C-alpha atoms as a PDB file:
ATOM      1  CA  MET A   1     261.207 100.355  21.231  1.00  0.00           C
ATOM      2  CA  ILE A   2     258.666  98.276  19.470  1.00  0.00           C
ATOM      3  CA  GLU A   3     256.486  95.829  21.206  1.00  0.00           C
ATOM      4  CA  VAL A   4     255.791  92.861  18.790  1.00  0.00           C
ATOM      5  CA  GLU A   5     252.734  91.128  20.485  1.00  0.00           C
ATOM      6  CA  ILE A   6     249.639  88.470  19.336  1.00  0.00           C
ATOM      7  CA  LYS A   7     246.957  88.235  22.264  1.00  0.00           C
ATOM      8  CA  ALA A   8     244.624  84.552  21.976  1.00  0.00           C
ATOM      9  CA  PRO A   9     241.346  84.275  24.270  1.00  0.00           C
ATOM     10  CA  ILE A  10     242.572  80.939  26.547  1.00  0.00           C
ATOM     11  CA  LYS A  11     239.844  78.065  27.464  1.00  0.00           C
ATOM     12  CA  ASP A  12     241.916  75.575  29.311  1.00  0.00           C
ATOM     13  CA  ILE A  13     244.359  77.093  31.171  1.00  0.00           C
ATOM     14  CA  GLY A  14     245.908  73.533  32.870  1.00  0.00           C
ATOM     15  CA  ALA A  15     246.310  72.243  29.213  1.00  0.00           C
ATOM     16  CA  LEU A  16     248.474  75.898  28.222  1.00  0.00           C
ATOM     17  CA  LYS A  17     250.508  75.694  31.395  1.00  0.00           C
ATOM     18  CA  ARG A  18     251.524  72.096  30.787  1.00  0.00           C
ATOM     19  CA  ARG A  19     252.506  72.899  27.074  1.00  0.00           C
ATOM     20  CA  LEU A  20     254.424  76.318  28.190  1.00  0.00           C
ATOM     21  CA  GLU A  21     256.282  73.992  30.814  1.00  0.00           C
ATOM     22  CA  GLU A  22     256.837  71.040  28.128  1.00  0.00           C
ATOM     23  CA  LEU A  23     258.593  74.071  26.210  1.00  0.00           C
ATOM     24  CA  GLY A  24     260.527  74.699  29.134  1.00  0.00           C
ATOM     25  CA  ALA A  25     259.099  78.007  29.593  1.00  0.00           C
ATOM     26  CA  GLN A  26     260.041  79.872  32.896  1.00  0.00           C
ATOM     27  CA  PHE A  27     257.151  81.012  35.599  1.00  0.00           C
ATOM     28  CA  ILE A  28     258.545  84.354  36.634  1.00  0.00           C
ATOM     29  CA  ALA A  29     255.882  85.896  38.537  1.00  0.00           C
ATOM     30  CA  GLU A  30     252.438  86.091  39.180  1.00  0.00           C
ATOM     31  CA  GLU A  31     251.182  90.005  39.782  1.00  0.00           C
ATOM     32  CA  ASP A  32     247.903  91.915  40.033  1.00  0.00           C
ATOM     33  CA  GLU A  33     247.753  95.185  37.927  1.00  0.00           C
ATOM     34  CA  ARG A  34     245.178  98.201  37.028  1.00  0.00           C
ATOM     35  CA  ASP A  35     245.717  99.778  33.531  1.00  0.00           C
ATOM     36  CA  VAL A  36     244.146 103.563  34.076  1.00  0.00           C
ATOM     37  CA  TYR A  37     243.638 104.678  29.805  1.00  0.00           C
ATOM     38  CA  PHE A  38     243.398 108.795  28.868  1.00  0.00           C
ATOM     39  CA  ASN A  39     242.619 110.408  26.018  1.00  0.00           C
ATOM     40  CA  ALA A  40     244.202 113.358  24.406  1.00  0.00           C
ATOM     41  CA  PRO A  41     242.492 116.816  24.748  1.00  0.00           C
ATOM     42  CA  HIS A  42     244.388 117.185  21.039  1.00  0.00           C
ATOM     43  CA  ARG A  43     243.175 114.352  19.484  1.00  0.00           C
ATOM     44  CA  ASP A  44     241.138 111.360  20.064  1.00  0.00           C
ATOM     45  CA  PHE A  45     243.408 108.129  20.818  1.00  0.00           C
ATOM     46  CA  ALA A  46     240.763 105.661  19.551  1.00  0.00           C
ATOM     47  CA  LYS A  47     240.598 107.224  15.933  1.00  0.00           C
ATOM     48  CA  THR A  48     244.405 107.066  15.909  1.00  0.00           C
ATOM     49  CA  ASP A  49     244.780 103.696  17.445  1.00  0.00           C
ATOM     50  CA  GLU A  50     246.996 104.997  20.278  1.00  0.00           C
ATOM     51  CA  ALA A  51     247.068 104.853  24.112  1.00  0.00           C
ATOM     52  CA  LEU A  52     248.288 106.217  27.072  1.00  0.00           C
ATOM     53  CA  ARG A  53     248.164 104.517  30.448  1.00  0.00           C
ATOM     54  CA  ILE A  54     249.667 104.535  33.837  1.00  0.00           C
ATOM     55  CA  ARG A  55     249.824 100.571  35.054  1.00  0.00           C
ATOM     56  CA  PHE A  56     249.861 100.419  39.211  1.00  0.00           C
ATOM     57  CA  SER A  57     251.830  97.236  39.490  1.00  0.00           C
ATOM     58  CA  ARG A  58     254.876  96.299  41.605  1.00  0.00           C
ATOM     59  CA  ASP A  59     256.642  98.597  39.043  1.00  0.00           C
ATOM     60  CA  THR A  60     254.423 101.756  38.473  1.00  0.00           C
ATOM     61  CA  THR A  61     254.569 102.901  34.886  1.00  0.00           C
ATOM     62  CA  LEU A  62     253.431 105.450  32.297  1.00  0.00           C
ATOM     63  CA  THR A  63     253.176 103.778  28.517  1.00  0.00           C
ATOM     64  CA  TYR A  64     252.432 105.362  25.424  1.00  0.00           C
ATOM     65  CA  LYS A  65     251.492 103.120  22.578  1.00  0.00           C
ATOM     66  CA  GLY A  66     251.652 104.116  19.175  1.00  0.00           C
ATOM     67  CA  PRO A  67     249.478 102.855  16.231  1.00  0.00           C
ATOM     68  CA  LYS A  68     249.390  98.776  15.722  1.00  0.00           C
ATOM     69  CA  LEU A  69     252.354  98.153  12.705  1.00  0.00           C
ATOM     70  CA  ASP A  70     250.517  95.508  10.743  1.00  0.00           C
ATOM     71  CA  LYS A  71     247.282  93.510  10.042  1.00  0.00           C
ATOM     72  CA  VAL A  72     248.091  89.965  11.988  1.00  0.00           C
ATOM     73  CA  SER A  73     249.541  91.199  15.760  1.00  0.00           C
ATOM     74  CA  LYS A  74     249.194  93.788  17.824  1.00  0.00           C
ATOM     75  CA  THR A  75     252.448  95.370  17.121  1.00  0.00           C
ATOM     76  CA  ARG A  76     253.416  98.802  17.757  1.00  0.00           C
ATOM     77  CA  LYS A  77     255.700 101.451  19.047  1.00  0.00           C
ATOM     78  CA  GLU A  78     255.596 101.802  22.928  1.00  0.00           C
ATOM     79  CA  ILE A  79     257.277 104.196  25.101  1.00  0.00           C
ATOM     80  CA  THR A  80     257.418 103.120  28.883  1.00  0.00           C
ATOM     81  CA  VAL A  81     259.060 104.957  31.673  1.00  0.00           C
ATOM     82  CA  PRO A  82     258.978 104.586  35.543  1.00  0.00           C
ATOM     83  CA  VAL A  83     256.532 106.406  37.508  1.00  0.00           C
ATOM     84  CA  ALA A  84     257.373 107.394  41.275  1.00  0.00           C
ATOM     85  CA  ASP A  85     254.168 109.008  41.889  1.00  0.00           C
ATOM     86  CA  ALA A  86     251.417 107.446  40.131  1.00  0.00           C
ATOM     87  CA  GLU A  87     249.140 109.366  41.774  1.00  0.00           C
ATOM     88  CA  ARG A  88     250.715 112.822  41.289  1.00  0.00           C
ATOM     89  CA  ALA A  89     251.302 111.571  37.678  1.00  0.00           C
ATOM     90  CA  MET A  90     247.673 110.966  37.010  1.00  0.00           C
ATOM     91  CA  ALA A  91     246.611 114.480  38.615  1.00  0.00           C
ATOM     92  CA  MET A  92     249.280 115.527  35.755  1.00  0.00           C
ATOM     93  CA  LEU A  93     247.819 114.135  33.159  1.00  0.00           C
ATOM     94  CA  LYS A  94     243.891 115.802  34.357  1.00  0.00           C
ATOM     95  CA  ALA A  95     245.171 118.982  34.862  1.00  0.00           C
ATOM     96  CA  LEU A  96     246.751 119.257  31.160  1.00  0.00           C
ATOM     97  CA  GLY A  97     243.344 117.933  29.651  1.00  0.00           C
ATOM     98  CA  PHE A  98     243.803 114.090  29.689  1.00  0.00           C
ATOM     99  CA  GLU A  99     240.762 112.768  30.590  1.00  0.00           C
ATOM    100  CA  GLU A 100     240.455 109.228  32.093  1.00  0.00           C
ATOM    101  CA  VAL A 101     238.591 106.420  29.642  1.00  0.00           C
ATOM    102  CA  ALA A 102     239.008 102.943  31.284  1.00  0.00           C
ATOM    103  CA  THR A 103     240.668 101.180  33.838  1.00  0.00           C
ATOM    104  CA  VAL A 104     241.697  97.420  33.156  1.00  0.00           C
ATOM    105  CA  ILE A 105     242.210  94.973  35.884  1.00  0.00           C
ATOM    106  CA  LYS A 106     243.848  91.762  35.704  1.00  0.00           C
ATOM    107  CA  ARG A 107     245.585  89.133  37.502  1.00  0.00           C
ATOM    108  CA  ARG A 108     249.008  88.230  35.290  1.00  0.00           C
ATOM    109  CA  GLN A 109     250.807  85.088  35.248  1.00  0.00           C
ATOM    110  CA  VAL A 110     254.556  85.918  33.617  1.00  0.00           C
ATOM    111  CA  TYR A 111     256.293  83.288  31.819  1.00  0.00           C
ATOM    112  CA  ARG A 112     259.889  83.686  29.860  1.00  0.00           C
ATOM    113  CA  LEU A 113     260.590  81.260  26.846  1.00  0.00           C
ATOM    114  CA  HIS A 114     264.053  82.749  25.475  1.00  0.00           C
ATOM    115  CA  ASP A 115     263.645  86.054  24.086  1.00  0.00           C
ATOM    116  CA  LEU A 116     259.694  85.849  24.563  1.00  0.00           C
ATOM    117  CA  THR A 117     257.537  86.915  27.566  1.00  0.00           C
ATOM    118  CA  ILE A 118     254.054  84.709  27.653  1.00  0.00           C
ATOM    119  CA  SER A 119     251.808  86.087  30.042  1.00  0.00           C
ATOM    120  CA  ILE A 120     248.298  84.481  31.038  1.00  0.00           C
ATOM    121  CA  ASP A 121     246.037  87.347  31.965  1.00  0.00           C
ATOM    122  CA  ASP A 122     242.435  86.761  33.727  1.00  0.00           C
ATOM    123  CA  VAL A 123     240.884  90.119  32.673  1.00  0.00           C
ATOM    124  CA  GLN A 124     238.029  91.453  35.250  1.00  0.00           C
ATOM    125  CA  GLY A 125     234.713  91.450  32.842  1.00  0.00           C
ATOM    126  CA  LEU A 126     236.841  89.973  29.847  1.00  0.00           C
ATOM    127  CA  GLY A 127     237.991  86.604  30.847  1.00  0.00           C
ATOM    128  CA  THR A 128     241.481  84.469  30.476  1.00  0.00           C
ATOM    129  CA  TYR A 129     243.802  85.491  27.386  1.00  0.00           C
ATOM    130  CA  MET A 130     247.563  84.788  26.564  1.00  0.00           C
ATOM    131  CA  GLU A 131     249.837  87.133  25.357  1.00  0.00           C
ATOM    132  CA  ILE A 132     253.276  86.739  23.704  1.00  0.00           C
ATOM    133  CA  GLU A 133     255.689  89.388  23.436  1.00  0.00           C
ATOM    134  CA  ALA A 134     259.152  90.517  22.421  1.00  0.00           C
ATOM    135  CA  ILE A 135     260.551  93.955  22.565  1.00  0.00           C
ATOM    136  CA  VAL A 136     262.916  94.702  19.823  1.00  0.00           C
ATOM    137  CA  ALA A 137     265.005  98.079  19.056  1.00  0.00           C
ATOM    138  CA  HIS A 138     264.276  98.527  15.362  1.00  0.00           C
ATOM    139  CA  LYS A 139     261.355  98.509  13.192  1.00  0.00           C
ATOM    140  CA  GLU A 140     262.477  95.305  11.682  1.00  0.00           C
ATOM    141  CA  TYR A 141     260.099  93.378  13.991  1.00  0.00           C
ATOM    142  CA  GLN A 142     259.325  90.327  11.250  1.00  0.00           C
ATOM    143  CA  PRO A 143     261.882  87.993  12.854  1.00  0.00           C
ATOM    144  CA  ALA A 144     260.231  87.990  16.226  1.00  0.00           C
ATOM    145  CA  LEU A 145     257.002  87.858  14.817  1.00  0.00           C
ATOM    146  CA  ASN A 146     257.750  84.883  13.048  1.00  0.00           C
ATOM    147  CA  ARG A 147     259.198  83.291  16.200  1.00  0.00           C
ATOM    148  CA  ILE A 148     255.715  84.317  18.571  1.00  0.00           C
ATOM    149  CA  PHE A 149     254.095  82.679  15.814  1.00  0.00           C
ATOM    150  CA  GLU A 150     256.122  79.620  16.271  1.00  0.00           C
ATOM    151  CA  ILE A 151     255.650  79.292  19.797  1.00  0.00           C
ATOM    152  CA  LEU A 152     252.205  79.925  19.202  1.00  0.00           C
ATOM    153  CA  ARG A 153     251.963  76.659  17.153  1.00  0.00           C
ATOM    154  CA  LYS A 154     253.872  74.753  19.615  1.00  0.00           C
ATOM    155  CA  LEU A 155     251.174  75.829  22.335  1.00  0.00           C
ATOM    156  CA  GLY A 156     248.499  74.125  20.445  1.00  0.00           C
ATOM    157  CA  MET A 157     246.771  77.158  18.606  1.00  0.00           C
ATOM    158  CA  ARG A 158     246.713  78.733  15.115  1.00  0.00           C
ATOM    159  CA  LYS A 159     247.055  82.750  13.898  1.00  0.00           C
ATOM    160  CA  GLU A 160     243.588  82.508  13.345  1.00  0.00           C
ATOM    161  CA  ASP A 161     242.896  82.096  16.943  1.00  0.00           C
ATOM    162  CA  THR A 162     244.439  85.235  18.229  1.00  0.00           C
ATOM    163  CA  ILE A 163     242.459  88.857  18.351  1.00  0.00           C
ATOM    164  CA  ARG A 164     244.086  92.231  17.833  1.00  0.00           C
ATOM    165  CA  GLU A 165     241.946  94.315  19.858  1.00  0.00           C
ATOM    166  CA  SER A 166     243.595  95.176  22.933  1.00  0.00           C
ATOM    167  CA  TYR A 167     242.135  94.824  26.414  1.00  0.00           C
ATOM    168  CA  LEU A 168     240.980  98.358  26.543  1.00  0.00           C
ATOM    169  CA  GLU A 169     239.115  97.797  23.117  1.00  0.00           C
ATOM    170  CA  LEU A 170     237.747  94.415  24.209  1.00  0.00           C
ATOM    171  CA  ILE A 171     236.036  96.378  27.588  1.00  0.00           C
ATOM    172  CA  LEU A 172     234.939  99.581  25.888  1.00  0.00           C
ATOM    173  CA  ARG A 173     233.185  96.841  23.237  1.00  0.00           C
ATOM    174  CA  ARG A 174     231.483  95.265  25.694  1.00  0.00           C
END
């Protein structure tokens, strides 16, 4: 699967929520997430622009993210599998030589607008951000990215307001 995604810092959450409501977005859930990121023993994910994490949330998952596919978004290949026992999965990764790099903790509010997921994230130590994403099953992701940028415009923001760094990259850069 390809995760087509953009991210932007948010200054006025109230205004953003009002615009989402005006567009017909539906509130889905609010949840706490803790993402534990790992680096591989055989290559440096920071250099290859990859990521491997275990997400502790309502549904715990193990996720691999490939390198970003373009220069304007955070679009990348993503493989996610459910994990029944996250602590044992972490122990397995560490036994195989994977090293824990950082943890990202956030409170996430999730909205749905058509085929898009819009998240408002209050990220510990970083601030508040919005992510808009679509999941597509093929490499032809440009139509989804165009829809995402159109929604961004309708929310009162511009492409220039977005950032390509992941929360992990932002935390490691602090």
